[in-house]
Amino acid sequence: MGRGEGLSITVPILFRCPISLDVMKSPVSLSTGVTYDRSSIQQWLDSGHDTCPATNQPLLSKDYVPNLTLHRPINIWTLSSASSSRSSTADTSSSSSSIPPLPHVIPSSEIRQLVSGISSRPDAAGLDELEKIVEFASYCEENRRFIANFHDSIEVILRVLIRESERIEVLESAIRLLDLILLENCVRERIHRLIFESGYEKCFDSVLSVLNNGKLSSKIHSARILELIASNNGSRQRTIGEKIEAILPILVHLMRTETDKPLTEAILSCLISLSTSRSIKAQLVHLGLVPILSRILSDPETAGPAAERGIRLVHLISAVAEGRRAINEDSGCAVAVLDRLMKVQREAKEEGLKLLWSMCCAYRDARVMERVGKGNGVTKMLVVMQSEGDGGIVRRMCGELVKVLKGIAMAKSSSSYGYGGLGTLETKTTHIRPY
């Protein structure tokens, strides 16, 4: 047996992700009981799949939970393998191995010193220090929890973001670090409290700068941070209120010009959090968001999460007259929503139906009624009704839409002028309270 052969490392099969076949950094389990690496299964779910990759079983829920039982032995094994790998000679490293090169493991003691150093001298924090902390946090969930629970860690990151004349690379690293720990326990609450009570609202300027000028991945992180800030009423009013005129054009421009799907999903979520007032919804319409949403929903490559967020945003915009007018003027928007109804989760299905019911039954928009009718709307509504069983708001809205759409077909067949009789069409839906 050769020297290189003897030093080859075999990965335990339970430590490999069934999708990527790499060692799992952050193992999580689906409702089927199968464990995957978080990044791999998230990408699978974001692509619109609703089955378990290994078993092909339908997923009752797309939620997953950290597999802490498996995470600790993987960590111990990885550290042990990394130590063996570093002690091997150059000729050994060139030989074949059943494991990819392991990342450099940064000890938590070094991270503690780095965070403490930045805390005492925030103006001296450089790119190298932040990159080391980002690398540490990227490695596994336990490391992210360590940073999130470290004394003043959130405040340290925000201090970096409010520094003036900072290099864009430093801001990108700070935002990346903040994005990594957003989901850890109490992090969001601490950020809101610091922004609202301690005067850290200036960090928004840095987030906006990175969103405008940063690299693609940094724009995604920035959009998620903005969504976080917008999700809290106090933080939103203090930080975003006066600058909404600047941020909306940037977000809509990115939606129009960028084709990256994760960025699109992040911006859609951000816009949903921002769309809390009539004035913001009207601004989004004036910026041309409806045709963009129509394009996204009509694209067969658009994954389930993006489609669901797109439907929700169209529904939110339809609450204002400008939004309904834009939906009326866009030839594909309502039909795109109709075509997505059987391909999205229940919440998005309900919001899509509320939009169609509002346009066709409550506001009696002749153009939208015609397009939905021509788009085989009656058949699709009946299919949705059948999938819902007895009762429920979805079934009731479908029933009212079927009445209206059948009335359109009858009016068309009895008139030599096509859809000319729509304005006087009467059904019981005239007197129904909007859902």
Protein backbone atom coordinates (compact mmCIF):
# COMPACT_ATOMS: atom_id res chain seq x y z
CA MET A 1 0.00 0.00 0.00
CA GLY A 2 1.41 3.38 -1.07
CA ARG A 3 1.90 6.27 1.25
CA GLY A 4 -0.82 8.37 -0.37
CA GLU A 5 -3.22 5.44 -0.18
CA GLY A 6 -2.64 5.04 3.53
CA LEU A 7 -3.48 8.69 4.23
CA SER A 8 -6.67 8.71 2.17
CA ILE A 9 -9.69 9.86 4.20
CA THR A 10 -13.02 8.07 3.82
CA VAL A 11 -16.12 10.10 4.63
CA PRO A 12 -18.76 8.27 6.70
CA ILE A 13 -21.82 7.87 4.49
CA LEU A 14 -24.10 9.47 7.09
CA PHE A 15 -22.01 12.66 6.96
CA ARG A 16 -22.58 13.16 3.22
CA CYS A 17 -25.47 15.22 1.86
CA PRO A 18 -27.64 13.00 -0.41
CA ILE A 19 -27.82 15.87 -2.93
CA SER A 20 -24.27 17.25 -3.17
CA LEU A 21 -22.50 14.14 -1.76
CA ASP A 22 -20.23 16.54 0.16
CA VAL A 23 -19.74 16.61 3.92
CA MET A 24 -22.70 18.43 5.48
CA LYS A 25 -21.78 21.74 7.14
CA SER A 26 -25.27 22.46 8.49
CA PRO A 27 -27.37 19.25 8.54
CA VAL A 28 -31.14 19.75 8.59
CA SER A 29 -33.97 17.20 8.46
CA LEU A 30 -37.16 17.31 6.40
CA SER A 31 -40.56 16.02 7.52
CA THR A 32 -39.67 12.70 5.82
CA GLY A 33 -36.81 12.21 8.29
CA VAL A 34 -34.04 12.46 5.67
CA THR A 35 -31.16 14.82 6.49
CA TYR A 36 -29.53 17.17 3.97
CA ASP A 37 -27.07 20.04 4.02
CA ARG A 38 -29.03 23.27 4.53
CA SER A 39 -27.74 25.04 1.39
CA SER A 40 -28.43 22.04 -0.87
CA ILE A 41 -31.99 21.37 0.30
CA GLN A 42 -32.83 25.09 0.29
CA GLN A 43 -31.73 25.29 -3.35
CA TRP A 44 -33.86 22.22 -4.12
CA LEU A 45 -36.94 23.75 -2.48
CA ASP A 46 -36.35 27.17 -4.05
CA SER A 47 -36.38 25.49 -7.46
CA GLY A 48 -40.05 24.67 -6.92
CA HIS A 49 -39.77 21.01 -5.85
CA ASP A 50 -42.25 19.73 -3.27
CA THR A 51 -40.88 16.21 -2.81
CA CYS A 52 -38.06 14.69 -0.76
CA PRO A 53 -35.07 14.22 -3.14
CA ALA A 54 -34.01 10.90 -1.62
CA THR A 55 -37.40 9.21 -1.20
CA ASN A 56 -39.50 11.16 -3.72
CA GLN A 57 -42.25 11.39 -1.08
CA PRO A 58 -44.50 14.50 -1.19
CA LEU A 59 -43.55 17.00 1.51
CA LEU A 60 -46.34 17.83 3.95
CA SER A 61 -44.28 20.89 4.89
CA LYS A 62 -41.25 22.59 3.36
CA ASP A 63 -39.95 23.46 6.82
CA TYR A 64 -36.83 21.75 8.11
CA VAL A 65 -35.17 21.51 11.51
CA PRO A 66 -31.46 21.44 12.43
CA ASN A 67 -30.18 17.91 13.05
CA LEU A 68 -28.09 18.67 16.15
CA THR A 69 -27.61 14.96 16.86
CA LEU A 70 -25.66 14.59 13.62
CA HIS A 71 -24.10 18.05 13.62
CA ARG A 72 -21.79 17.48 16.59
CA PRO A 73 -20.15 14.23 15.36
CA ILE A 74 -19.66 15.81 11.92
CA ASN A 75 -17.91 18.75 13.58
CA ILE A 76 -15.66 16.47 15.62
CA TRP A 77 -14.83 14.34 12.59
CA THR A 78 -14.12 17.41 10.42
CA LEU A 79 -11.74 18.92 12.97
CA SER A 80 -9.95 15.59 13.32
CA SER A 81 -9.70 15.18 9.54
CA ALA A 82 -8.46 18.74 9.12
CA SER A 83 -5.71 18.10 11.66
CA SER A 84 -4.64 14.94 9.82
CA SER A 85 -4.77 16.75 6.50
CA ARG A 86 -2.49 19.57 7.69
CA SER A 87 0.08 17.07 9.01
CA SER A 88 0.35 15.25 5.67
CA THR A 89 3.21 15.91 3.23
CA ALA A 90 3.06 17.58 -0.16
CA ASP A 91 3.15 14.32 -2.12
CA THR A 92 0.24 13.00 -0.09
CA SER A 93 -1.87 16.05 -0.85
CA SER A 94 -1.45 15.43 -4.57
CA SER A 95 -2.76 11.88 -4.34
CA SER A 96 -6.40 10.91 -4.89
CA SER A 97 -8.75 11.21 -1.92
CA SER A 98 -12.42 10.57 -1.28
CA ILE A 99 -12.91 13.96 0.43
CA PRO A 100 -12.56 17.48 -0.97
CA PRO A 101 -10.07 19.87 0.68
CA LEU A 102 -11.32 20.86 4.13
CA PRO A 103 -11.63 24.54 5.01
CA HIS A 104 -9.28 26.21 7.44
CA VAL A 105 -10.85 26.01 10.88
CA ILE A 106 -10.67 29.31 12.77
CA PRO A 107 -10.77 28.79 16.56
CA SER A 108 -13.51 30.55 18.49
CA SER A 109 -10.88 32.15 20.75
CA GLU A 110 -9.49 34.05 17.77
CA ILE A 111 -12.99 35.20 16.79
CA ARG A 112 -13.60 36.37 20.36
CA GLN A 113 -10.44 38.49 20.18
CA LEU A 114 -11.39 39.93 16.78
CA VAL A 115 -14.90 40.92 17.89
CA SER A 116 -13.56 42.42 21.12
CA GLY A 117 -10.94 44.35 19.16
CA ILE A 118 -13.51 45.80 16.78
CA SER A 119 -15.75 46.64 19.74
CA SER A 120 -13.00 48.67 21.42
CA ARG A 121 -11.80 50.30 18.19
CA PRO A 122 -14.60 50.19 15.58
CA ASP A 123 -12.82 52.73 13.35
CA ALA A 124 -9.86 50.37 13.03
CA ALA A 125 -11.83 47.35 11.80
CA GLY A 126 -10.47 46.25 8.45
CA LEU A 127 -11.47 43.88 5.71
CA ASP A 128 -9.20 41.04 6.91
CA GLU A 129 -10.72 40.97 10.38
CA LEU A 130 -14.29 41.00 9.09
CA GLU A 131 -13.56 38.34 6.48
CA LYS A 132 -12.22 36.01 9.17
CA ILE A 133 -15.39 36.45 11.20
CA VAL A 134 -17.52 35.90 8.08
CA GLU A 135 -15.58 32.72 7.27
CA PHE A 136 -16.13 31.48 10.81
CA ALA A 137 -19.87 32.24 10.68
CA SER A 138 -20.25 30.64 7.24
CA TYR A 139 -18.87 27.32 8.42
CA CYS A 140 -21.77 26.03 10.51
CA GLU A 141 -24.85 26.94 12.52
CA GLU A 142 -23.04 26.50 15.83
CA ASN A 143 -20.53 29.18 14.83
CA ARG A 144 -23.31 31.57 13.83
CA ARG A 145 -24.97 31.01 17.19
CA PHE A 146 -21.64 31.71 18.91
CA ILE A 147 -21.31 35.10 17.21
CA ALA A 148 -24.96 36.02 17.74
CA ASN A 149 -24.69 35.31 21.47
CA PHE A 150 -21.36 37.09 21.87
CA HIS A 151 -21.59 40.26 23.96
CA ASP A 152 -22.29 43.37 21.83
CA SER A 153 -21.69 41.49 18.55
CA ILE A 154 -24.71 43.07 16.81
CA GLU A 155 -23.73 46.54 18.00
CA VAL A 156 -20.17 45.95 16.74
CA ILE A 157 -21.44 45.16 13.24
CA LEU A 158 -23.73 48.20 13.20
CA ARG A 159 -20.84 50.41 14.33
CA VAL A 160 -18.91 49.35 11.25
CA LEU A 161 -21.90 50.15 9.05
CA ILE A 162 -22.30 53.71 10.34
CA ARG A 163 -18.67 54.67 9.73
CA GLU A 164 -18.24 57.39 7.15
CA SER A 165 -16.21 57.06 3.94
CA GLU A 166 -15.83 53.31 4.37
CA ARG A 167 -14.66 51.03 1.54
CA ILE A 168 -17.48 49.17 -0.16
CA GLU A 169 -15.71 45.83 0.49
CA VAL A 170 -15.76 46.43 4.25
CA LEU A 171 -19.45 47.32 4.16
CA GLU A 172 -20.18 44.21 2.10
CA SER A 173 -18.44 42.00 4.68
CA ALA A 174 -20.32 43.60 7.58
CA ILE A 175 -23.66 43.16 5.77
CA ARG A 176 -22.79 39.57 4.88
CA LEU A 177 -22.04 38.85 8.54
CA LEU A 178 -25.29 40.45 9.66
CA ASP A 179 -27.23 38.45 7.08
CA LEU A 180 -25.61 35.19 8.25
CA ILE A 181 -26.85 35.57 11.82
CA LEU A 182 -30.28 37.12 11.12
CA LEU A 183 -32.15 33.90 11.87
CA GLU A 184 -30.44 33.25 15.19
CA ASN A 185 -32.45 33.68 18.37
CA CYS A 186 -33.25 37.32 19.32
CA VAL A 187 -30.95 38.83 16.65
CA ARG A 188 -33.79 40.59 14.82
CA GLU A 189 -35.16 42.01 18.06
CA ARG A 190 -31.73 43.33 19.04
CA ILE A 191 -31.26 44.99 15.65
CA HIS A 192 -34.67 46.67 15.87
CA ARG A 193 -33.95 47.87 19.40
CA LEU A 194 -30.53 49.31 18.48
CA ILE A 195 -31.94 51.09 15.43
CA PHE A 196 -34.98 52.45 17.25
CA GLU A 197 -33.44 53.32 20.62
CA SER A 198 -29.71 53.82 20.12
CA GLY A 199 -29.44 55.94 16.99
CA TYR A 200 -28.02 53.35 14.61
CA GLU A 201 -30.41 54.34 11.80
CA LYS A 202 -27.42 55.62 9.80
CA CYS A 203 -26.55 52.00 9.02
CA PHE A 204 -29.33 52.18 6.44
CA ASP A 205 -27.18 54.46 4.27
CA SER A 206 -24.51 51.77 4.04
CA VAL A 207 -27.06 49.07 3.23
CA LEU A 208 -28.47 51.27 0.48
CA SER A 209 -24.97 51.97 -0.87
CA VAL A 210 -24.19 48.25 -1.12
CA LEU A 211 -27.57 47.56 -2.71
CA ASN A 212 -26.75 50.16 -5.35
CA ASN A 213 -23.03 49.52 -5.90
CA GLY A 214 -22.11 46.16 -4.38
CA LYS A 215 -21.58 42.82 -6.06
CA LEU A 216 -24.52 40.53 -6.78
CA SER A 217 -24.34 38.43 -3.61
CA SER A 218 -24.01 41.60 -1.50
CA LYS A 219 -27.15 43.03 -3.10
CA ILE A 220 -29.04 39.91 -2.01
CA HIS A 221 -27.77 40.29 1.56
CA SER A 222 -28.69 44.00 1.53
CA ALA A 223 -32.23 43.28 0.33
CA ARG A 224 -32.68 40.81 3.17
CA ILE A 225 -31.42 43.36 5.71
CA LEU A 226 -33.85 45.94 4.31
CA GLU A 227 -36.67 43.42 4.61
CA LEU A 228 -35.71 42.92 8.25
CA ILE A 229 -35.73 46.66 8.95
CA ALA A 230 -39.04 47.11 7.11
CA SER A 231 -40.71 44.27 9.01
CA ASN A 232 -40.72 46.33 12.22
CA ASN A 233 -42.92 49.41 12.29
CA GLY A 234 -40.63 51.43 14.57
CA SER A 235 -37.45 50.60 12.64
CA ARG A 236 -39.20 51.22 9.33
CA GLN A 237 -40.45 54.67 10.30
CA ARG A 238 -37.15 55.76 11.84
CA THR A 239 -34.85 54.36 9.14
CA ILE A 240 -36.71 54.01 5.86
CA GLY A 241 -39.52 56.56 6.09
CA GLU A 242 -37.59 59.57 4.84
CA LYS A 243 -35.58 57.61 2.25
CA ILE A 244 -38.30 55.59 0.57
CA GLU A 245 -38.02 57.86 -2.47
CA ALA A 246 -34.44 56.66 -2.93
CA ILE A 247 -34.87 52.97 -2.23
CA LEU A 248 -37.93 52.08 -4.34
CA PRO A 249 -36.38 53.12 -7.69
CA ILE A 250 -33.26 51.07 -6.90
CA LEU A 251 -35.25 47.95 -6.05
CA VAL A 252 -37.52 48.23 -9.10
CA HIS A 253 -34.52 48.94 -11.36
CA LEU A 254 -32.80 45.78 -10.09
CA MET A 255 -35.98 43.80 -10.72
CA ARG A 256 -36.08 45.13 -14.26
CA THR A 257 -32.40 44.62 -15.16
CA GLU A 258 -31.17 41.65 -13.11
CA THR A 259 -32.07 38.05 -13.95
CA ASP A 260 -30.55 36.36 -10.91
CA LYS A 261 -33.33 34.34 -9.25
CA PRO A 262 -32.13 34.59 -5.60
CA LEU A 263 -31.84 38.37 -6.00
CA THR A 264 -35.34 38.55 -7.49
CA GLU A 265 -36.76 36.55 -4.57
CA ALA A 266 -34.96 38.73 -2.01
CA ILE A 267 -36.24 41.95 -3.60
CA LEU A 268 -39.80 40.61 -3.86
CA SER A 269 -39.76 39.83 -0.13
CA CYS A 270 -38.33 43.26 0.61
CA LEU A 271 -40.99 45.03 -1.46
CA ILE A 272 -43.74 43.07 0.29
CA SER A 273 -42.44 44.29 3.66
CA LEU A 274 -42.22 47.85 2.36
CA SER A 275 -45.70 47.92 0.80
CA THR A 276 -47.55 49.02 3.92
CA SER A 277 -49.14 52.29 2.75
CA ARG A 278 -51.22 53.44 -0.19
CA SER A 279 -48.57 55.96 -1.20
CA ILE A 280 -45.82 53.32 -1.44
CA LYS A 281 -48.06 51.01 -3.47
CA ALA A 282 -48.90 53.87 -5.83
CA GLN A 283 -45.20 54.72 -6.18
CA LEU A 284 -44.38 51.14 -7.10
CA VAL A 285 -47.06 51.25 -9.80
CA HIS A 286 -45.69 54.52 -11.21
CA LEU A 287 -42.20 52.97 -11.29
CA GLY A 288 -43.53 50.22 -13.59
CA LEU A 289 -43.62 47.27 -11.20
CA VAL A 290 -46.77 45.62 -12.59
CA PRO A 291 -45.29 44.74 -16.04
CA ILE A 292 -42.21 43.38 -14.26
CA LEU A 293 -44.35 41.17 -12.02
CA SER A 294 -46.33 40.05 -15.05
CA ARG A 295 -43.10 38.98 -16.77
CA ILE A 296 -41.89 37.10 -13.70
CA LEU A 297 -45.18 35.24 -13.22
CA SER A 298 -45.41 34.39 -16.94
CA ASP A 299 -41.89 32.95 -17.03
CA PRO A 300 -42.07 29.13 -16.74
CA GLU A 301 -38.58 29.19 -15.21
CA THR A 302 -39.79 31.19 -12.20
CA ALA A 303 -39.63 28.94 -9.14
CA GLY A 304 -42.46 28.50 -6.65
CA PRO A 305 -41.22 30.90 -3.93
CA ALA A 306 -40.70 33.76 -6.40
CA ALA A 307 -44.09 33.13 -8.01
CA GLU A 308 -45.83 33.12 -4.63
CA ARG A 309 -44.19 36.40 -3.62
CA GLY A 310 -45.03 37.89 -7.01
CA ILE A 311 -48.71 36.98 -6.60
CA ARG A 312 -48.76 38.48 -3.12
CA LEU A 313 -47.23 41.72 -4.37
CA VAL A 314 -49.74 42.01 -7.24
CA HIS A 315 -52.52 41.47 -4.73
CA LEU A 316 -51.13 44.19 -2.44
CA ILE A 317 -50.82 46.63 -5.33
CA SER A 318 -54.40 45.95 -6.44
CA ALA A 319 -55.61 47.62 -3.23
CA VAL A 320 -55.03 51.05 -4.81
CA ALA A 321 -56.74 52.47 -7.90
CA GLU A 322 -53.40 52.97 -9.66
CA GLY A 323 -52.61 49.30 -9.20
CA ARG A 324 -55.94 48.12 -10.59
CA ARG A 325 -55.52 50.42 -13.56
CA ALA A 326 -52.05 48.99 -14.25
CA ILE A 327 -53.37 45.42 -14.03
CA ASN A 328 -56.15 46.42 -16.44
CA GLU A 329 -53.62 47.85 -18.90
CA ASP A 330 -51.21 44.89 -18.73
CA SER A 331 -52.40 42.17 -21.08
CA GLY A 332 -50.73 39.30 -19.24
CA CYS A 333 -50.82 40.00 -15.50
CA ALA A 334 -54.23 38.58 -14.54
CA VAL A 335 -53.80 35.54 -16.79
CA ALA A 336 -50.33 34.88 -15.33
CA VAL A 337 -51.86 34.84 -11.84
CA LEU A 338 -54.65 32.54 -13.07
CA ASP A 339 -52.16 30.08 -14.57
CA ARG A 340 -50.20 29.89 -11.31
CA LEU A 341 -53.12 29.05 -9.01
CA MET A 342 -52.63 25.27 -9.04
CA LYS A 343 -48.85 25.52 -8.75
CA VAL A 344 -48.48 27.54 -5.55
CA GLN A 345 -49.05 27.04 -1.82
CA ARG A 346 -52.47 27.70 -0.30
CA GLU A 347 -51.70 31.20 0.98
CA ALA A 348 -50.55 32.41 -2.44
CA LYS A 349 -53.49 30.64 -4.09
CA GLU A 350 -55.89 32.49 -1.80
CA GLU A 351 -54.24 35.85 -2.52
CA GLY A 352 -54.32 35.19 -6.26
CA LEU A 353 -58.03 34.38 -6.08
CA LYS A 354 -58.70 37.51 -4.02
CA LEU A 355 -57.04 39.54 -6.76
CA LEU A 356 -59.09 37.92 -9.54
CA TRP A 357 -62.29 38.11 -7.49
CA SER A 358 -61.68 41.79 -6.77
CA MET A 359 -61.02 42.68 -10.42
CA CYS A 360 -63.79 40.53 -11.91
CA CYS A 361 -66.54 40.48 -9.27
CA ALA A 362 -66.12 43.58 -7.11
CA TYR A 363 -64.81 46.11 -9.66
CA ARG A 364 -66.23 44.37 -12.77
CA ASP A 365 -63.17 45.19 -14.88
CA ALA A 366 -64.27 44.22 -18.39
CA ARG A 367 -60.75 43.78 -19.78
CA VAL A 368 -59.63 41.51 -16.97
CA MET A 369 -62.88 39.52 -17.11
CA GLU A 370 -62.39 38.97 -20.83
CA ARG A 371 -58.77 37.87 -20.46
CA VAL A 372 -59.52 35.49 -17.61
CA GLY A 373 -62.44 34.05 -19.57
CA LYS A 374 -60.31 33.53 -22.67
CA GLY A 375 -57.62 31.97 -20.46
CA ASN A 376 -59.93 29.04 -19.71
CA GLY A 377 -60.80 30.61 -16.38
CA VAL A 378 -63.99 28.61 -15.76
CA THR A 379 -62.23 25.25 -16.07
CA LYS A 380 -59.33 26.38 -13.89
CA MET A 381 -61.67 27.70 -11.21
CA LEU A 382 -63.54 24.38 -11.18
CA VAL A 383 -60.25 22.51 -10.79
CA VAL A 384 -59.26 24.74 -7.86
CA MET A 385 -62.70 24.23 -6.28
CA GLN A 386 -62.36 20.47 -6.62
CA SER A 387 -58.99 20.53 -4.88
CA GLU A 388 -60.40 22.48 -1.93
CA GLY A 389 -63.12 20.10 -0.79
CA ASP A 390 -66.15 21.57 1.02
CA GLY A 391 -66.53 25.16 2.15
CA GLY A 392 -63.84 27.75 2.70
CA ILE A 393 -63.11 31.17 1.26
CA VAL A 394 -61.24 29.73 -1.74
CA ARG A 395 -64.22 27.64 -2.82
CA ARG A 396 -66.63 30.56 -2.38
CA MET A 397 -64.50 32.93 -4.46
CA CYS A 398 -64.11 30.31 -7.18
CA GLY A 399 -67.87 29.83 -7.28
CA GLU A 400 -68.51 33.55 -7.75
CA LEU A 401 -65.81 33.78 -10.42
CA VAL A 402 -67.35 30.84 -12.30
CA LYS A 403 -70.74 32.63 -12.34
CA VAL A 404 -69.18 35.80 -13.74
CA LEU A 405 -67.06 34.00 -16.33
CA LYS A 406 -70.00 31.87 -17.50
CA GLY A 407 -72.02 35.06 -17.81
CA ILE A 408 -69.30 36.46 -20.09
CA ALA A 409 -69.47 33.38 -22.30
CA MET A 410 -73.26 33.65 -22.54
CA ALA A 411 -73.06 37.37 -23.35
CA LYS A 412 -70.50 36.69 -26.06
CA SER A 413 -72.54 33.94 -27.70
CA SER A 414 -75.72 36.07 -27.73
CA SER A 415 -74.11 39.25 -29.07
CA SER A 416 -72.72 39.84 -32.53
CA TYR A 417 -70.53 42.54 -30.99
CA GLY A 418 -68.35 40.20 -28.97
CA TYR A 419 -68.05 41.37 -25.37
CA GLY A 420 -70.03 44.55 -25.83
CA GLY A 421 -72.64 43.62 -23.24
CA LEU A 422 -70.28 43.29 -20.29
CA GLY A 423 -71.11 46.68 -18.84
CA THR A 424 -74.72 45.69 -18.12
CA LEU A 425 -74.08 42.08 -17.10
CA GLU A 426 -75.92 41.31 -13.83
CA THR A 427 -75.11 38.47 -11.42
CA LYS A 428 -75.60 37.91 -7.70
CA THR A 429 -71.93 38.82 -7.16
CA THR A 430 -72.84 42.50 -7.53
CA HIS A 431 -74.02 42.57 -3.91
CA ILE A 432 -71.30 40.42 -2.33
CA ARG A 433 -68.95 42.07 0.13
CA PRO A 434 -65.31 41.96 -1.11
CA TYR A 435 -63.24 39.25 0.60
